[in-house]
């Protein structure tokens, strides 16, 4: 099982705090994004956003990063400082 959490404005836009997926076919962040959109087609514009950030087990990663059962994946919009 892969735990997926959403942060900041993305959480509000998706109206979802977290979800879990179980699939042996999901081995990368990009595949996870596609699986989330397949389950929730209205989320497509958010997961197609190239600026969307992702982390696995609290480490920033890119779309090709390998994930496995037991990982926690976080998605969040880019942040700016002031």
N, C-alpha and C. Protein backbone atom coordinates (compact mmCIF):
# COMPACT_ATOMS: atom_id res chain seq x y z
N UNK A 1 0.84 -1.17 0.00
CA UNK A 1 0.00 0.00 0.00
C UNK A 1 0.89 1.24 0.00
N UNK A 2 0.55 2.21 -0.82
CA UNK A 2 1.25 3.47 -0.89
C UNK A 2 0.33 4.54 -0.31
N UNK A 3 0.81 5.21 0.72
CA UNK A 3 0.04 6.29 1.34
C UNK A 3 0.36 7.58 0.56
N UNK A 4 -0.70 8.31 0.19
CA UNK A 4 -0.54 9.55 -0.56
C UNK A 4 -1.17 10.68 0.24
N UNK A 5 -0.40 11.73 0.48
CA UNK A 5 -0.91 12.89 1.22
C UNK A 5 -0.78 14.14 0.36
N UNK A 6 -1.69 15.06 0.59
CA UNK A 6 -1.74 16.31 -0.17
C UNK A 6 -1.61 17.48 0.79
N UNK A 7 -0.84 18.50 0.40
CA UNK A 7 -0.59 19.63 1.28
C UNK A 7 -0.95 20.97 0.64
N UNK A 8 -1.11 21.95 1.51
CA UNK A 8 -1.32 23.36 1.15
C UNK A 8 -2.56 23.51 0.26
N UNK A 9 -2.47 24.40 -0.72
CA UNK A 9 -3.62 24.69 -1.58
C UNK A 9 -4.08 23.46 -2.35
N UNK A 10 -3.17 22.57 -2.67
CA UNK A 10 -3.56 21.35 -3.40
C UNK A 10 -4.57 20.55 -2.60
N UNK A 11 -4.38 20.45 -1.31
CA UNK A 11 -5.32 19.72 -0.44
C UNK A 11 -6.72 20.32 -0.57
N UNK A 12 -6.79 21.63 -0.55
CA UNK A 12 -8.08 22.30 -0.65
C UNK A 12 -8.69 22.14 -2.04
N UNK A 13 -7.87 22.23 -3.08
CA UNK A 13 -8.37 22.11 -4.44
C UNK A 13 -8.90 20.71 -4.73
N UNK A 14 -8.24 19.70 -4.17
CA UNK A 14 -8.69 18.32 -4.38
C UNK A 14 -9.78 17.90 -3.41
N UNK A 15 -9.95 18.70 -2.34
CA UNK A 15 -10.88 18.37 -1.27
C UNK A 15 -10.57 16.98 -0.70
N UNK A 16 -9.26 16.75 -0.50
CA UNK A 16 -8.80 15.46 -0.01
C UNK A 16 -7.50 15.66 0.76
N UNK A 17 -7.43 15.08 1.93
CA UNK A 17 -6.23 15.18 2.77
C UNK A 17 -5.24 14.07 2.43
N UNK A 18 -5.75 12.85 2.29
CA UNK A 18 -4.88 11.71 1.97
C UNK A 18 -5.69 10.57 1.40
N UNK A 19 -4.98 9.64 0.76
CA UNK A 19 -5.59 8.44 0.21
C UNK A 19 -4.51 7.36 0.19
N UNK A 20 -4.90 6.16 -0.13
CA UNK A 20 -3.95 5.04 -0.25
C UNK A 20 -4.27 4.27 -1.51
N UNK A 21 -3.22 3.75 -2.14
CA UNK A 21 -3.39 2.94 -3.33
C UNK A 21 -2.60 1.65 -3.18
N UNK A 22 -3.16 0.58 -3.68
CA UNK A 22 -2.45 -0.70 -3.71
C UNK A 22 -2.44 -1.18 -5.15
N UNK A 23 -1.27 -1.20 -5.74
CA UNK A 23 -1.15 -1.69 -7.10
C UNK A 23 0.31 -2.01 -7.39
N UNK A 24 0.55 -3.20 -7.84
CA UNK A 24 1.92 -3.59 -8.21
C UNK A 24 2.37 -2.87 -9.46
N UNK A 25 1.41 -2.29 -10.23
CA UNK A 25 1.75 -1.60 -11.47
C UNK A 25 2.29 -0.19 -11.22
N UNK A 26 2.16 0.32 -10.01
CA UNK A 26 2.60 1.67 -9.69
C UNK A 26 4.02 1.58 -9.13
N UNK A 27 4.99 1.97 -9.94
CA UNK A 27 6.38 1.88 -9.50
C UNK A 27 7.13 3.21 -9.55
N UNK A 28 6.50 4.26 -10.11
CA UNK A 28 7.13 5.58 -10.15
C UNK A 28 6.12 6.65 -9.75
N UNK A 29 6.62 7.82 -9.45
CA UNK A 29 5.76 8.96 -9.14
C UNK A 29 4.85 9.26 -10.32
N UNK A 30 5.37 9.25 -11.54
CA UNK A 30 4.54 9.54 -12.71
C UNK A 30 3.41 8.53 -12.86
N UNK A 31 3.67 7.27 -12.60
CA UNK A 31 2.62 6.25 -12.66
C UNK A 31 1.59 6.47 -11.56
N UNK A 32 2.04 6.90 -10.40
CA UNK A 32 1.12 7.19 -9.31
C UNK A 32 0.19 8.35 -9.68
N UNK A 33 0.74 9.38 -10.30
CA UNK A 33 -0.09 10.52 -10.74
C UNK A 33 -1.17 10.04 -11.71
N UNK A 34 -0.79 9.19 -12.66
CA UNK A 34 -1.76 8.67 -13.63
C UNK A 34 -2.84 7.84 -12.94
N UNK A 35 -2.44 7.05 -11.96
CA UNK A 35 -3.42 6.23 -11.23
C UNK A 35 -4.39 7.10 -10.44
N UNK A 36 -3.88 8.18 -9.85
CA UNK A 36 -4.76 9.09 -9.10
C UNK A 36 -5.77 9.77 -10.03
N UNK A 37 -5.31 10.16 -11.21
CA UNK A 37 -6.22 10.79 -12.19
C UNK A 37 -7.24 9.77 -12.70
N UNK A 38 -6.83 8.52 -12.88
CA UNK A 38 -7.77 7.49 -13.33
C UNK A 38 -8.88 7.29 -12.31
N UNK A 39 -8.55 7.40 -11.03
CA UNK A 39 -9.55 7.25 -9.97
C UNK A 39 -10.40 8.51 -9.80
N UNK A 40 -9.81 9.67 -10.10
CA UNK A 40 -10.47 10.97 -9.90
C UNK A 40 -10.18 11.87 -11.10
N UNK A 41 -10.88 11.68 -12.22
CA UNK A 41 -10.59 12.43 -13.43
C UNK A 41 -10.58 13.95 -13.26
N UNK A 42 -11.33 14.46 -12.31
CA UNK A 42 -11.35 15.92 -12.11
C UNK A 42 -10.02 16.43 -11.56
N UNK A 43 -9.14 15.55 -11.11
CA UNK A 43 -7.84 15.94 -10.58
C UNK A 43 -6.79 16.12 -11.67
N UNK A 44 -7.12 15.82 -12.92
CA UNK A 44 -6.12 15.81 -13.98
C UNK A 44 -5.36 17.12 -14.12
N UNK A 45 -6.04 18.25 -14.05
CA UNK A 45 -5.33 19.52 -14.23
C UNK A 45 -4.29 19.75 -13.14
N UNK A 46 -4.51 19.23 -11.96
CA UNK A 46 -3.56 19.40 -10.86
C UNK A 46 -2.33 18.51 -11.04
N UNK A 47 -2.53 17.29 -11.49
CA UNK A 47 -1.41 16.37 -11.63
C UNK A 47 -0.67 16.50 -12.95
N UNK A 48 -1.23 17.26 -13.88
CA UNK A 48 -0.52 17.57 -15.12
C UNK A 48 0.34 18.82 -14.98
N UNK A 49 0.19 19.52 -13.87
CA UNK A 49 0.95 20.74 -13.60
C UNK A 49 2.42 20.37 -13.39
N UNK A 50 3.30 20.87 -14.26
CA UNK A 50 4.73 20.55 -14.20
C UNK A 50 5.39 21.12 -12.94
N UNK A 51 4.78 22.12 -12.32
CA UNK A 51 5.36 22.74 -11.13
C UNK A 51 5.01 21.99 -9.84
N UNK A 52 4.12 21.00 -9.93
CA UNK A 52 3.72 20.23 -8.75
C UNK A 52 4.94 19.52 -8.17
N UNK A 53 5.13 19.65 -6.88
CA UNK A 53 6.27 19.04 -6.20
C UNK A 53 5.85 17.72 -5.56
N UNK A 54 6.82 16.82 -5.42
CA UNK A 54 6.53 15.54 -4.78
C UNK A 54 7.69 15.14 -3.87
N UNK A 55 7.35 14.39 -2.85
CA UNK A 55 8.34 13.87 -1.91
C UNK A 55 7.96 12.45 -1.55
N UNK A 56 8.97 11.63 -1.33
CA UNK A 56 8.76 10.26 -0.87
C UNK A 56 9.49 10.11 0.46
N UNK A 57 8.72 9.75 1.47
CA UNK A 57 9.29 9.60 2.81
C UNK A 57 10.09 10.83 3.22
N UNK A 58 9.53 12.00 2.92
CA UNK A 58 10.06 13.31 3.31
C UNK A 58 11.27 13.77 2.49
N UNK A 59 11.62 13.09 1.41
CA UNK A 59 12.71 13.52 0.53
C UNK A 59 12.13 13.94 -0.82
N UNK A 60 12.53 15.12 -1.28
CA UNK A 60 12.06 15.62 -2.58
C UNK A 60 12.53 14.68 -3.69
N UNK A 61 11.61 14.40 -4.65
CA UNK A 61 11.92 13.48 -5.74
C UNK A 61 11.31 14.00 -7.04
N UNK A 62 11.73 13.41 -8.15
CA UNK A 62 11.15 13.75 -9.45
C UNK A 62 10.19 12.65 -9.89
N UNK A 63 9.62 12.81 -11.06
CA UNK A 63 8.59 11.90 -11.55
C UNK A 63 9.05 10.49 -11.84
N UNK A 64 10.33 10.31 -12.08
CA UNK A 64 10.86 8.98 -12.39
C UNK A 64 11.32 8.22 -11.15
N UNK A 65 11.18 8.83 -10.00
CA UNK A 65 11.62 8.20 -8.76
C UNK A 65 10.83 6.92 -8.51
N UNK A 66 11.52 5.86 -8.14
CA UNK A 66 10.87 4.56 -7.87
C UNK A 66 10.22 4.56 -6.49
N UNK A 67 8.99 4.07 -6.46
CA UNK A 67 8.27 3.95 -5.20
C UNK A 67 7.86 2.50 -4.99
N UNK A 68 7.58 2.18 -3.73
CA UNK A 68 7.21 0.80 -3.39
C UNK A 68 6.17 0.80 -2.28
N UNK A 69 5.60 -0.33 -2.05
CA UNK A 69 4.62 -0.48 -0.98
C UNK A 69 5.26 -0.06 0.34
N UNK A 70 4.51 0.68 1.14
CA UNK A 70 5.00 1.17 2.42
C UNK A 70 5.51 2.60 2.37
N UNK A 71 5.72 3.13 1.16
CA UNK A 71 6.19 4.51 1.02
C UNK A 71 5.05 5.49 1.30
N UNK A 72 5.42 6.68 1.76
CA UNK A 72 4.49 7.79 1.88
C UNK A 72 4.89 8.82 0.83
N UNK A 73 3.95 9.13 -0.04
CA UNK A 73 4.20 10.10 -1.11
C UNK A 73 3.39 11.35 -0.81
N UNK A 74 4.06 12.49 -0.87
CA UNK A 74 3.39 13.77 -0.63
C UNK A 74 3.43 14.60 -1.91
N UNK A 75 2.32 15.26 -2.20
CA UNK A 75 2.25 16.19 -3.32
C UNK A 75 1.88 17.56 -2.77
N UNK A 76 2.52 18.60 -3.32
CA UNK A 76 2.23 19.96 -2.88
C UNK A 76 2.64 20.95 -3.95
N UNK A 77 1.97 22.09 -3.96
CA UNK A 77 2.31 23.12 -4.95
C UNK A 77 3.65 23.76 -4.60
N UNK A 78 4.27 24.40 -5.59
CA UNK A 78 5.52 25.10 -5.29
C UNK A 78 5.26 26.21 -4.27
N UNK A 79 6.24 26.48 -3.45
CA UNK A 79 6.10 27.49 -2.43
C UNK A 79 7.06 28.64 -2.73
N UNK A 80 6.67 29.82 -2.29
CA UNK A 80 7.53 30.98 -2.47
C UNK A 80 7.79 31.60 -1.12
N UNK A 81 8.91 32.20 -1.00
CA UNK A 81 9.27 32.86 0.26
C UNK A 81 9.19 34.36 0.11
N UNK A 82 9.31 35.03 1.23
CA UNK A 82 9.19 36.47 1.15
C UNK A 82 10.26 37.19 1.91
